[in-house]
Amino acid sequence: MWKDIVDDIWTNYRGRFLCSLAGLVISSLFLILGFWATLFVLLFVGGGFFIGYKIDRKEDLVEWLDRLLPPGYHR
């Protein structure tokens, strides 16, 4: 019975479930750590997600840095 309920939620309401869970985690961090520490944690989580996304898609991070930074800046 519970497996059917969880499977139904995961199949039909995945986005709502994950965003609600993310909201719960972020609000808990805000209450425990405070505003600035939570922003700091979320900034690094977002950066790690972005870098992981680029690595998963087998994109070259050096090429991305070349577009972002001035020429020859990171060498």
PDB file of N, CA and C in Angstrom:
ATOM      1  N   MET A   1       0.806  -1.183   0.000  1.00  0.00           N
ATOM      2  CA  MET A   1       0.000   0.000   0.000  1.00  0.00           C
ATOM      3  C   MET A   1       0.860   1.261   0.000  1.00  0.00           C
ATOM      4  N   TRP A   2       1.830   1.354   0.919  1.00  0.00           N
ATOM      5  CA  TRP A   2       2.679   2.545   0.980  1.00  0.00           C
ATOM      6  C   TRP A   2       3.531   2.680  -0.267  1.00  0.00           C
ATOM      7  N   LYS A   3       3.961   1.553  -0.798  1.00  0.00           N
ATOM      8  CA  LYS A   3       4.773   1.597  -2.016  1.00  0.00           C
ATOM      9  C   LYS A   3       3.977   2.188  -3.172  1.00  0.00           C
ATOM     10  N   ASP A   4       2.693   1.844  -3.263  1.00  0.00           N
ATOM     11  CA  ASP A   4       1.842   2.399  -4.320  1.00  0.00           C
ATOM     12  C   ASP A   4       1.658   3.905  -4.151  1.00  0.00           C
ATOM     13  N   ILE A   5       1.485   4.346  -2.916  1.00  0.00           N
ATOM     14  CA  ILE A   5       1.308   5.775  -2.651  1.00  0.00           C
ATOM     15  C   ILE A   5       2.576   6.541  -2.996  1.00  0.00           C
ATOM     16  N   VAL A   6       3.718   6.038  -2.541  1.00  0.00           N
ATOM     17  CA  VAL A   6       4.993   6.701  -2.826  1.00  0.00           C
ATOM     18  C   VAL A   6       5.278   6.690  -4.322  1.00  0.00           C
ATOM     19  N   ASP A   7       4.993   5.583  -4.983  1.00  0.00           N
ATOM     20  CA  ASP A   7       5.203   5.500  -6.430  1.00  0.00           C
ATOM     21  C   ASP A   7       4.306   6.491  -7.173  1.00  0.00           C
ATOM     22  N   ASP A   8       3.060   6.632  -6.727  1.00  0.00           N
ATOM     23  CA  ASP A   8       2.141   7.590  -7.343  1.00  0.00           C
ATOM     24  C   ASP A   8       2.630   9.024  -7.149  1.00  0.00           C
ATOM     25  N   ILE A   9       3.073   9.352  -5.948  1.00  0.00           N
ATOM     26  CA  ILE A   9       3.595  10.702  -5.684  1.00  0.00           C
ATOM     27  C   ILE A   9       4.829  10.958  -6.529  1.00  0.00           C
ATOM     28  N   TRP A  10       5.746  10.004  -6.584  1.00  0.00           N
ATOM     29  CA  TRP A  10       6.986  10.199  -7.338  1.00  0.00           C
ATOM     30  C   TRP A  10       6.719  10.317  -8.837  1.00  0.00           C
ATOM     31  N   THR A  11       5.762   9.562  -9.341  1.00  0.00           N
ATOM     32  CA  THR A  11       5.473   9.574 -10.775  1.00  0.00           C
ATOM     33  C   THR A  11       4.712  10.827 -11.194  1.00  0.00           C
ATOM     34  N   ASN A  12       3.706  11.207 -10.423  1.00  0.00           N
ATOM     35  CA  ASN A  12       2.814  12.291 -10.838  1.00  0.00           C
ATOM     36  C   ASN A  12       3.164  13.659 -10.265  1.00  0.00           C
ATOM     37  N   TYR A  13       3.826  13.694  -9.117  1.00  0.00           N
ATOM     38  CA  TYR A  13       4.070  14.967  -8.433  1.00  0.00           C
ATOM     39  C   TYR A  13       5.538  15.139  -8.061  1.00  0.00           C
ATOM     40  N   ARG A  14       6.437  14.668  -8.908  1.00  0.00           N
ATOM     41  CA  ARG A  14       7.864  14.690  -8.596  1.00  0.00           C
ATOM     42  C   ARG A  14       8.368  16.112  -8.359  1.00  0.00           C
ATOM     43  N   GLY A  15       8.042  17.039  -9.248  1.00  0.00           N
ATOM     44  CA  GLY A  15       8.510  18.418  -9.120  1.00  0.00           C
ATOM     45  C   GLY A  15       7.999  19.078  -7.858  1.00  0.00           C
ATOM     46  N   ARG A  16       6.717  18.909  -7.572  1.00  0.00           N
ATOM     47  CA  ARG A  16       6.139  19.502  -6.363  1.00  0.00           C
ATOM     48  C   ARG A  16       6.775  18.916  -5.113  1.00  0.00           C
ATOM     49  N   PHE A  17       6.985  17.614  -5.134  1.00  0.00           N
ATOM     50  CA  PHE A  17       7.574  16.951  -3.973  1.00  0.00           C
ATOM     51  C   PHE A  17       9.004  17.422  -3.731  1.00  0.00           C
ATOM     52  N   LEU A  18       9.821  17.439  -4.800  1.00  0.00           N
ATOM     53  CA  LEU A  18      11.221  17.829  -4.640  1.00  0.00           C
ATOM     54  C   LEU A  18      11.353  19.298  -4.253  1.00  0.00           C
ATOM     55  N   CYS A  19      10.540  20.169  -4.837  1.00  0.00           N
ATOM     56  CA  CYS A  19      10.613  21.588  -4.482  1.00  0.00           C
ATOM     57  C   CYS A  19      10.112  21.831  -3.064  1.00  0.00           C
ATOM     58  N   SER A  20       9.104  21.095  -2.636  1.00  0.00           N
ATOM     59  CA  SER A  20       8.645  21.210  -1.252  1.00  0.00           C
ATOM     60  C   SER A  20       9.718  20.740  -0.286  1.00  0.00           C
ATOM     61  N   LEU A  21      10.383  19.654  -0.638  1.00  0.00           N
ATOM     62  CA  LEU A  21      11.474  19.149   0.189  1.00  0.00           C
ATOM     63  C   LEU A  21      12.630  20.148   0.234  1.00  0.00           C
ATOM     64  N   ALA A  22      12.952  20.749  -0.908  1.00  0.00           N
ATOM     65  CA  ALA A  22      14.010  21.764  -0.947  1.00  0.00           C
ATOM     66  C   ALA A  22      13.621  22.967  -0.092  1.00  0.00           C
ATOM     67  N   GLY A  23      12.364  23.379  -0.148  1.00  0.00           N
ATOM     68  CA  GLY A  23      11.896  24.482   0.688  1.00  0.00           C
ATOM     69  C   GLY A  23      12.002  24.165   2.169  1.00  0.00           C
ATOM     70  N   LEU A  24      11.692  22.937   2.534  1.00  0.00           N
ATOM     71  CA  LEU A  24      11.810  22.515   3.927  1.00  0.00           C
ATOM     72  C   LEU A  24      13.262  22.553   4.386  1.00  0.00           C
ATOM     73  N   VAL A  25      14.170  22.060   3.552  1.00  0.00           N
ATOM     74  CA  VAL A  25      15.594  22.053   3.900  1.00  0.00           C
ATOM     75  C   VAL A  25      16.122  23.480   4.015  1.00  0.00           C
ATOM     76  N   ILE A  26      15.773  24.347   3.058  1.00  0.00           N
ATOM     77  CA  ILE A  26      16.261  25.729   3.084  1.00  0.00           C
ATOM     78  C   ILE A  26      15.707  26.476   4.292  1.00  0.00           C
ATOM     79  N   SER A  27      14.434  26.289   4.602  1.00  0.00           N
ATOM     80  CA  SER A  27      13.877  26.969   5.769  1.00  0.00           C
ATOM     81  C   SER A  27      14.497  26.449   7.065  1.00  0.00           C
ATOM     82  N   SER A  28      14.803  25.158   7.125  1.00  0.00           N
ATOM     83  CA  SER A  28      15.475  24.611   8.308  1.00  0.00           C
ATOM     84  C   SER A  28      16.875  25.182   8.449  1.00  0.00           C
ATOM     85  N   LEU A  29      17.598  25.284   7.333  1.00  0.00           N
ATOM     86  CA  LEU A  29      18.923  25.899   7.381  1.00  0.00           C
ATOM     87  C   LEU A  29      18.837  27.344   7.834  1.00  0.00           C
ATOM     88  N   PHE A  30      17.837  28.067   7.354  1.00  0.00           N
ATOM     89  CA  PHE A  30      17.666  29.461   7.728  1.00  0.00           C
ATOM     90  C   PHE A  30      17.433  29.594   9.227  1.00  0.00           C
ATOM     91  N   LEU A  31      16.616  28.707   9.786  1.00  0.00           N
ATOM     92  CA  LEU A  31      16.338  28.771  11.217  1.00  0.00           C
ATOM     93  C   LEU A  31      17.539  28.354  12.055  1.00  0.00           C
ATOM     94  N   ILE A  32      18.309  27.389  11.572  1.00  0.00           N
ATOM     95  CA  ILE A  32      19.439  26.878  12.345  1.00  0.00           C
ATOM     96  C   ILE A  32      20.672  27.762  12.186  1.00  0.00           C
ATOM     97  N   LEU A  33      21.018  28.120  10.954  1.00  0.00           N
ATOM     98  CA  LEU A  33      22.268  28.828  10.681  1.00  0.00           C
ATOM     99  C   LEU A  33      22.126  30.341  10.624  1.00  0.00           C
ATOM    100  N   GLY A  34      20.987  30.836  10.244  1.00  0.00           N
ATOM    101  CA  GLY A  34      20.796  32.262  10.041  1.00  0.00           C
ATOM    102  C   GLY A  34      20.811  32.588   8.555  1.00  0.00           C
ATOM    103  N   PHE A  35      20.499  33.849   8.247  1.00  0.00           N
ATOM    104  CA  PHE A  35      20.317  34.271   6.864  1.00  0.00           C
ATOM    105  C   PHE A  35      21.595  34.191   6.052  1.00  0.00           C
ATOM    106  N   TRP A  36      22.678  34.824   6.511  1.00  0.00           N
ATOM    107  CA  TRP A  36      23.904  34.918   5.704  1.00  0.00           C
ATOM    108  C   TRP A  36      24.593  33.568   5.556  1.00  0.00           C
ATOM    109  N   ALA A  37      24.606  32.774   6.595  1.00  0.00           N
ATOM    110  CA  ALA A  37      25.219  31.449   6.494  1.00  0.00           C
ATOM    111  C   ALA A  37      24.428  30.562   5.532  1.00  0.00           C
ATOM    112  N   THR A  38      23.104  30.699   5.548  1.00  0.00           N
ATOM    113  CA  THR A  38      22.280  29.933   4.615  1.00  0.00           C
ATOM    114  C   THR A  38      22.545  30.361   3.182  1.00  0.00           C
ATOM    115  N   LEU A  39      22.661  31.672   2.938  1.00  0.00           N
ATOM    116  CA  LEU A  39      22.996  32.145   1.592  1.00  0.00           C
ATOM    117  C   LEU A  39      24.350  31.618   1.144  1.00  0.00           C
ATOM    118  N   PHE A  40      25.311  31.591   2.050  1.00  0.00           N
ATOM    119  CA  PHE A  40      26.643  31.073   1.751  1.00  0.00           C
ATOM    120  C   PHE A  40      26.568  29.597   1.354  1.00  0.00           C
ATOM    121  N   VAL A  41      25.837  28.808   2.121  1.00  0.00           N
ATOM    122  CA  VAL A  41      25.690  27.379   1.825  1.00  0.00           C
ATOM    123  C   VAL A  41      24.997  27.185   0.477  1.00  0.00           C
ATOM    124  N   LEU A  42      23.917  27.926   0.231  1.00  0.00           N
ATOM    125  CA  LEU A  42      23.182  27.791  -1.031  1.00  0.00           C
ATOM    126  C   LEU A  42      24.019  28.224  -2.226  1.00  0.00           C
ATOM    127  N   LEU A  43      24.866  29.228  -2.048  1.00  0.00           N
ATOM    128  CA  LEU A  43      25.751  29.665  -3.124  1.00  0.00           C
ATOM    129  C   LEU A  43      26.712  28.547  -3.519  1.00  0.00           C
ATOM    130  N   PHE A  44      27.309  27.900  -2.536  1.00  0.00           N
ATOM    131  CA  PHE A  44      28.247  26.826  -2.835  1.00  0.00           C
ATOM    132  C   PHE A  44      27.549  25.567  -3.348  1.00  0.00           C
ATOM    133  N   VAL A  45      26.356  25.284  -2.866  1.00  0.00           N
ATOM    134  CA  VAL A  45      25.594  24.150  -3.401  1.00  0.00           C
ATOM    135  C   VAL A  45      25.241  24.416  -4.861  1.00  0.00           C
ATOM    136  N   GLY A  46      24.812  25.632  -5.166  1.00  0.00           N
ATOM    137  CA  GLY A  46      24.503  25.989  -6.549  1.00  0.00           C
ATOM    138  C   GLY A  46      25.726  25.923  -7.442  1.00  0.00           C
ATOM    139  N   GLY A  47      26.866  26.395  -6.946  1.00  0.00           N
ATOM    140  CA  GLY A  47      28.104  26.308  -7.715  1.00  0.00           C
ATOM    141  C   GLY A  47      28.528  24.869  -7.958  1.00  0.00           C
ATOM    142  N   GLY A  48      28.405  24.041  -6.947  1.00  0.00           N
ATOM    143  CA  GLY A  48      28.732  22.625  -7.110  1.00  0.00           C
ATOM    144  C   GLY A  48      27.797  21.938  -8.085  1.00  0.00           C
ATOM    145  N   PHE A  49      26.519  22.289  -8.042  1.00  0.00           N
ATOM    146  CA  PHE A  49      25.560  21.730  -8.992  1.00  0.00           C
ATOM    147  C   PHE A  49      25.911  22.150 -10.411  1.00  0.00           C
ATOM    148  N   PHE A  50      26.268  23.415 -10.598  1.00  0.00           N
ATOM    149  CA  PHE A  50      26.605  23.929 -11.927  1.00  0.00           C
ATOM    150  C   PHE A  50      27.848  23.238 -12.483  1.00  0.00           C
ATOM    151  N   ILE A  51      28.886  23.110 -11.665  1.00  0.00           N
ATOM    152  CA  ILE A  51      30.117  22.446 -12.109  1.00  0.00           C
ATOM    153  C   ILE A  51      29.841  20.971 -12.408  1.00  0.00           C
ATOM    154  N   GLY A  52      29.066  20.308 -11.552  1.00  0.00           N
ATOM    155  CA  GLY A  52      28.708  18.913 -11.801  1.00  0.00           C
ATOM    156  C   GLY A  52      27.902  18.746 -13.072  1.00  0.00           C
ATOM    157  N   TYR A  53      27.017  19.701 -13.350  1.00  0.00           N
ATOM    158  CA  TYR A  53      26.229  19.671 -14.582  1.00  0.00           C
ATOM    159  C   TYR A  53      27.133  19.778 -15.797  1.00  0.00           C
ATOM    160  N   LYS A  54      28.123  20.669 -15.738  1.00  0.00           N
ATOM    161  CA  LYS A  54      29.059  20.836 -16.853  1.00  0.00           C
ATOM    162  C   LYS A  54      29.899  19.571 -17.041  1.00  0.00           C
ATOM    163  N   ILE A  55      30.327  18.962 -15.952  1.00  0.00           N
ATOM    164  CA  ILE A  55      31.137  17.742 -16.034  1.00  0.00           C
ATOM    165  C   ILE A  55      30.301  16.586 -16.592  1.00  0.00           C
ATOM    166  N   ASP A  56      29.045  16.470 -16.142  1.00  0.00           N
ATOM    167  CA  ASP A  56      28.172  15.405 -16.647  1.00  0.00           C
ATOM    168  C   ASP A  56      27.930  15.530 -18.142  1.00  0.00           C
ATOM    169  N   ARG A  57      27.845  16.744 -18.635  1.00  0.00           N
ATOM    170  CA  ARG A  57      27.625  16.958 -20.069  1.00  0.00           C
ATOM    171  C   ARG A  57      28.929  16.949 -20.846  1.00  0.00           C
ATOM    172  N   LYS A  58      30.038  16.655 -20.146  1.00  0.00           N
ATOM    173  CA  LYS A  58      31.374  16.554 -20.737  1.00  0.00           C
ATOM    174  C   LYS A  58      31.784  17.855 -21.437  1.00  0.00           C
ATOM    175  N   GLU A  59      31.425  18.986 -20.820  1.00  0.00           N
ATOM    176  CA  GLU A  59      31.826  20.285 -21.342  1.00  0.00           C
ATOM    177  C   GLU A  59      33.166  20.664 -20.730  1.00  0.00           C
ATOM    178  N   ASP A  60      33.920  21.460 -21.450  1.00  0.00           N
ATOM    179  CA  ASP A  60      35.242  21.875 -21.001  1.00  0.00           C
ATOM    180  C   ASP A  60      35.109  23.089 -20.083  1.00  0.00           C
ATOM    181  N   LEU A  61      35.538  22.956 -18.826  1.00  0.00           N
ATOM    182  CA  LEU A  61      35.444  24.062 -17.882  1.00  0.00           C
ATOM    183  C   LEU A  61      36.419  25.182 -18.224  1.00  0.00           C
ATOM    184  N   VAL A  62      37.554  24.861 -18.818  1.00  0.00           N
ATOM    185  CA  VAL A  62      38.526  25.887 -19.195  1.00  0.00           C
ATOM    186  C   VAL A  62      37.932  26.783 -20.281  1.00  0.00           C
ATOM    187  N   GLU A  63      37.214  26.185 -21.217  1.00  0.00           N
ATOM    188  CA  GLU A  63      36.563  26.977 -22.266  1.00  0.00           C
ATOM    189  C   GLU A  63      35.512  27.903 -21.658  1.00  0.00           C
ATOM    190  N   TRP A  64      34.789  27.419 -20.681  1.00  0.00           N
ATOM    191  CA  TRP A  64      33.786  28.238 -20.013  1.00  0.00           C
ATOM    192  C   TRP A  64      34.449  29.387 -19.260  1.00  0.00           C
ATOM    193  N   LEU A  65      35.586  29.108 -18.600  1.00  0.00           N
ATOM    194  CA  LEU A  65      36.324  30.167 -17.912  1.00  0.00           C
ATOM    195  C   LEU A  65      36.854  31.203 -18.894  1.00  0.00           C
ATOM    196  N   ASP A  66      37.274  30.776 -20.078  1.00  0.00           N
ATOM    197  CA  ASP A  66      37.733  31.717 -21.102  1.00  0.00           C
ATOM    198  C   ASP A  66      36.623  32.690 -21.497  1.00  0.00           C
ATOM    199  N   ARG A  67      35.404  32.206 -21.575  1.00  0.00           N
ATOM    200  CA  ARG A  67      34.294  33.092 -21.924  1.00  0.00           C
ATOM    201  C   ARG A  67      33.927  34.012 -20.769  1.00  0.00           C
ATOM    202  N   LEU A  68      34.059  33.531 -19.537  1.00  0.00           N
ATOM    203  CA  LEU A  68      33.636  34.291 -18.370  1.00  0.00           C
ATOM    204  C   LEU A  68      34.662  35.338 -17.957  1.00  0.00           C
ATOM    205  N   LEU A  69      35.925  34.951 -17.896  1.00  0.00           N
ATOM    206  CA  LEU A  69      36.989  35.830 -17.415  1.00  0.00           C
ATOM    207  C   LEU A  69      37.679  36.520 -18.584  1.00  0.00           C
ATOM    208  N   PRO A  70      38.428  37.589 -18.296  1.00  0.00           N
ATOM    209  CA  PRO A  70      39.200  38.232 -19.365  1.00  0.00           C
ATOM    210  C   PRO A  70      40.213  37.254 -19.959  1.00  0.00           C
ATOM    211  N   PRO A  71      40.638  37.487 -21.207  1.00  0.00           N
ATOM    212  CA  PRO A  71      41.582  36.564 -21.859  1.00  0.00           C
ATOM    213  C   PRO A  71      42.871  36.381 -21.056  1.00  0.00           C
ATOM    214  N   GLY A  72      43.268  35.128 -20.877  1.00  0.00           N
ATOM    215  CA  GLY A  72      44.513  34.797 -20.196  1.00  0.00           C
ATOM    216  C   GLY A  72      44.487  34.994 -18.694  1.00  0.00           C
ATOM    217  N   TYR A  73      43.336  35.254 -18.108  1.00  0.00           N
ATOM    218  CA  TYR A  73      43.249  35.561 -16.683  1.00  0.00           C
ATOM    219  C   TYR A  73      43.523  34.352 -15.795  1.00  0.00           C
ATOM    220  N   HIS A  74      43.052  33.186 -16.177  1.00  0.00           N
ATOM    221  CA  HIS A  74      43.169  32.005 -15.311  1.00  0.00           C
ATOM    222  C   HIS A  74      44.420  31.182 -15.591  1.00  0.00           C
ATOM    223  N   ARG A  75      45.283  31.629 -16.475  1.00  0.00           N
ATOM    224  CA  ARG A  75      46.476  30.844 -16.787  1.00  0.00           C
ATOM    225  C   ARG A  75      47.675  31.351 -16.063  1.00  0.00           C
TER     226      ARG A  75
END
